[in-house]
């Protein structure tokens, strides 16, 4: 009786191990497929996500004080972001004010 249980246990372990190995090699194959054969497509997709323009058009209401004067108003602004490691010519982005040496 004990040998039947141990045989069944070993059989289950082998089946589970085989399934785990198959899943591992399937994932490794898929990763290789992406990295080797679809690398250009992935790079283009990453750049599309990396460089983007977001336009937010939401106007808030003005805030008034007790004497009905505007205390806070909504204004339109432009915001530009950059990744410092991606800038090739750093000299064109340095700020120098008059009379201040850096």
C-alpha atoms as a PDB file:
ATOM      1  CA  UNK A   1       0.000   0.000   0.000  1.00  0.00           C
ATOM      2  CA  UNK A   2       2.777   2.376   0.886  1.00  0.00           C
ATOM      3  CA  UNK A   3       4.629   1.745  -2.361  1.00  0.00           C
ATOM      4  CA  UNK A   4       1.502   2.581  -4.386  1.00  0.00           C
ATOM      5  CA  UNK A   5       1.202   5.946  -2.621  1.00  0.00           C
ATOM      6  CA  UNK A   6       4.875   6.771  -3.124  1.00  0.00           C
ATOM      7  CA  UNK A   7       4.670   5.800  -6.807  1.00  0.00           C
ATOM      8  CA  UNK A   8       1.635   8.024  -7.245  1.00  0.00           C
ATOM      9  CA  UNK A   9       3.384  10.874  -5.433  1.00  0.00           C
ATOM     10  CA  UNK A  10       6.476  10.556  -7.662  1.00  0.00           C
ATOM     11  CA  UNK A  11       4.216  10.462 -10.733  1.00  0.00           C
ATOM     12  CA  UNK A  12       2.450  13.669  -9.668  1.00  0.00           C
ATOM     13  CA  UNK A  13       5.770  15.400  -8.980  1.00  0.00           C
ATOM     14  CA  UNK A  14       7.064  14.414 -12.427  1.00  0.00           C
ATOM     15  CA  UNK A  15       3.894  15.667 -14.119  1.00  0.00           C
ATOM     16  CA  UNK A  16       4.030  18.973 -12.239  1.00  0.00           C
ATOM     17  CA  UNK A  17       7.747  19.352 -12.984  1.00  0.00           C
ATOM     18  CA  UNK A  18       7.142  18.674 -16.665  1.00  0.00           C
ATOM     19  CA  UNK A  19       4.428  21.320 -16.765  1.00  0.00           C
ATOM     20  CA  UNK A  20       6.707  23.837 -15.019  1.00  0.00           C
ATOM     21  CA  UNK A  21       9.561  23.147 -17.458  1.00  0.00           C
ATOM     22  CA  UNK A  22       7.197  23.491 -20.422  1.00  0.00           C
ATOM     23  CA  UNK A  23       5.909  26.845 -19.147  1.00  0.00           C
ATOM     24  CA  UNK A  24       9.437  28.088 -18.513  1.00  0.00           C
ATOM     25  CA  UNK A  25      10.612  27.200 -22.015  1.00  0.00           C
ATOM     26  CA  UNK A  26       7.454  28.684 -23.515  1.00  0.00           C
ATOM     27  CA  UNK A  27       8.106  32.006 -21.735  1.00  0.00           C
ATOM     28  CA  UNK A  28      11.802  31.931 -22.680  1.00  0.00           C
ATOM     29  CA  UNK A  29      10.874  31.314 -26.309  1.00  0.00           C
ATOM     30  CA  UNK A  30       8.367  34.149 -26.324  1.00  0.00           C
ATOM     31  CA  UNK A  31      10.900  36.537 -24.759  1.00  0.00           C
ATOM     32  CA  UNK A  32      13.485  35.529 -27.368  1.00  0.00           C
ATOM     33  CA  UNK A  33      10.947  36.086 -30.124  1.00  0.00           C
ATOM     34  CA  UNK A  34      10.249  39.616 -28.870  1.00  0.00           C
ATOM     35  CA  UNK A  35      13.889  40.523 -28.310  1.00  0.00           C
ATOM     36  CA  UNK A  36      15.296  39.074 -31.538  1.00  0.00           C
ATOM     37  CA  UNK A  37      12.580  39.209 -34.158  1.00  0.00           C
ATOM     38  CA  UNK A  38      10.358  42.087 -33.012  1.00  0.00           C
ATOM     39  CA  UNK A  39      12.917  44.436 -31.469  1.00  0.00           C
ATOM     40  CA  UNK A  40      12.350  47.235 -33.985  1.00  0.00           C
ATOM     41  CA  UNK A  41       8.589  47.140 -33.479  1.00  0.00           C
ATOM     42  CA  UNK A  42       9.059  47.221 -29.704  1.00  0.00           C
ATOM     43  CA  UNK A  43      11.453  50.186 -29.974  1.00  0.00           C
ATOM     44  CA  UNK A  44       8.923  52.120 -32.084  1.00  0.00           C
ATOM     45  CA  UNK A  45       6.165  51.304 -29.621  1.00  0.00           C
ATOM     46  CA  UNK A  46       8.319  52.485 -26.715  1.00  0.00           C
ATOM     47  CA  UNK A  47       9.111  55.777 -28.468  1.00  0.00           C
ATOM     48  CA  UNK A  48       5.418  56.372 -29.112  1.00  0.00           C
ATOM     49  CA  UNK A  49       4.808  56.028 -25.383  1.00  0.00           C
ATOM     50  CA  UNK A  50       7.905  58.033 -24.479  1.00  0.00           C
ATOM     51  CA  UNK A  51       7.321  61.102 -26.642  1.00  0.00           C
ATOM     52  CA  UNK A  52       3.831  62.408 -26.262  1.00  0.00           C
ATOM     53  CA  UNK A  53       1.849  65.585 -26.108  1.00  0.00           C
ATOM     54  CA  UNK A  54      -0.853  65.934 -23.500  1.00  0.00           C
ATOM     55  CA  UNK A  55      -3.380  68.721 -23.786  1.00  0.00           C
ATOM     56  CA  UNK A  56      -5.445  69.354 -20.708  1.00  0.00           C
ATOM     57  CA  UNK A  57      -8.338  71.684 -21.236  1.00  0.00           C
ATOM     58  CA  UNK A  58     -10.070  72.076 -17.947  1.00  0.00           C
ATOM     59  CA  UNK A  59     -10.902  75.524 -16.669  1.00  0.00           C
ATOM     60  CA  UNK A  60     -11.511  75.971 -13.000  1.00  0.00           C
ATOM     61  CA  UNK A  61     -13.673  78.671 -11.611  1.00  0.00           C
ATOM     62  CA  UNK A  62     -12.271  81.919 -10.264  1.00  0.00           C
ATOM     63  CA  UNK A  63     -11.950  82.411  -6.514  1.00  0.00           C
ATOM     64  CA  UNK A  64     -13.246  85.668  -5.061  1.00  0.00           C
ATOM     65  CA  UNK A  65     -12.731  87.272  -1.667  1.00  0.00           C
ATOM     66  CA  UNK A  66     -15.410  88.801   0.554  1.00  0.00           C
ATOM     67  CA  UNK A  67     -15.413  92.094  -1.380  1.00  0.00           C
ATOM     68  CA  UNK A  68     -15.853  90.271  -4.716  1.00  0.00           C
ATOM     69  CA  UNK A  69     -12.276  90.762  -5.967  1.00  0.00           C
ATOM     70  CA  UNK A  70     -10.550  87.963  -7.801  1.00  0.00           C
ATOM     71  CA  UNK A  71      -8.026  86.190  -5.613  1.00  0.00           C
ATOM     72  CA  UNK A  72      -7.178  83.283  -7.908  1.00  0.00           C
ATOM     73  CA  UNK A  73      -7.798  82.800 -11.609  1.00  0.00           C
ATOM     74  CA  UNK A  74      -7.083  80.051 -14.107  1.00  0.00           C
ATOM     75  CA  UNK A  75      -4.391  80.721 -16.705  1.00  0.00           C
ATOM     76  CA  UNK A  76      -3.055  78.753 -19.661  1.00  0.00           C
ATOM     77  CA  UNK A  77       0.528  77.573 -19.319  1.00  0.00           C
ATOM     78  CA  UNK A  78       2.963  75.555 -21.371  1.00  0.00           C
ATOM     79  CA  UNK A  79       4.991  72.867 -19.668  1.00  0.00           C
ATOM     80  CA  UNK A  80       8.013  71.219 -21.249  1.00  0.00           C
ATOM     81  CA  UNK A  81       9.812  68.223 -19.783  1.00  0.00           C
ATOM     82  CA  UNK A  82      13.124  66.668 -20.755  1.00  0.00           C
ATOM     83  CA  UNK A  83      15.254  63.715 -19.724  1.00  0.00           C
ATOM     84  CA  UNK A  84      18.762  65.020 -18.942  1.00  0.00           C
ATOM     85  CA  UNK A  85      20.508  61.848 -20.143  1.00  0.00           C
ATOM     86  CA  UNK A  86      18.876  62.208 -23.571  1.00  0.00           C
ATOM     87  CA  UNK A  87      20.128  65.777 -24.189  1.00  0.00           C
ATOM     88  CA  UNK A  88      23.082  65.750 -26.599  1.00  0.00           C
ATOM     89  CA  UNK A  89      24.003  69.459 -26.634  1.00  0.00           C
ATOM     90  CA  UNK A  90      23.880  70.626 -23.031  1.00  0.00           C
ATOM     91  CA  UNK A  91      25.288  74.051 -23.904  1.00  0.00           C
ATOM     92  CA  UNK A  92      22.099  75.215 -25.603  1.00  0.00           C
ATOM     93  CA  UNK A  93      20.075  74.597 -22.415  1.00  0.00           C
ATOM     94  CA  UNK A  94      22.239  76.363 -19.840  1.00  0.00           C
ATOM     95  CA  UNK A  95      20.831  79.453 -18.220  1.00  0.00           C
ATOM     96  CA  UNK A  96      23.091  82.425 -17.690  1.00  0.00           C
ATOM     97  CA  UNK A  97      21.793  85.598 -16.145  1.00  0.00           C
ATOM     98  CA  UNK A  98      23.610  88.884 -16.486  1.00  0.00           C
ATOM     99  CA  UNK A  99      26.390  89.471 -14.013  1.00  0.00           C
ATOM    100  CA  UNK A 100      26.389  85.920 -12.673  1.00  0.00           C
ATOM    101  CA  UNK A 101      29.199  83.564 -13.651  1.00  0.00           C
ATOM    102  CA  UNK A 102      28.592  79.874 -13.450  1.00  0.00           C
END
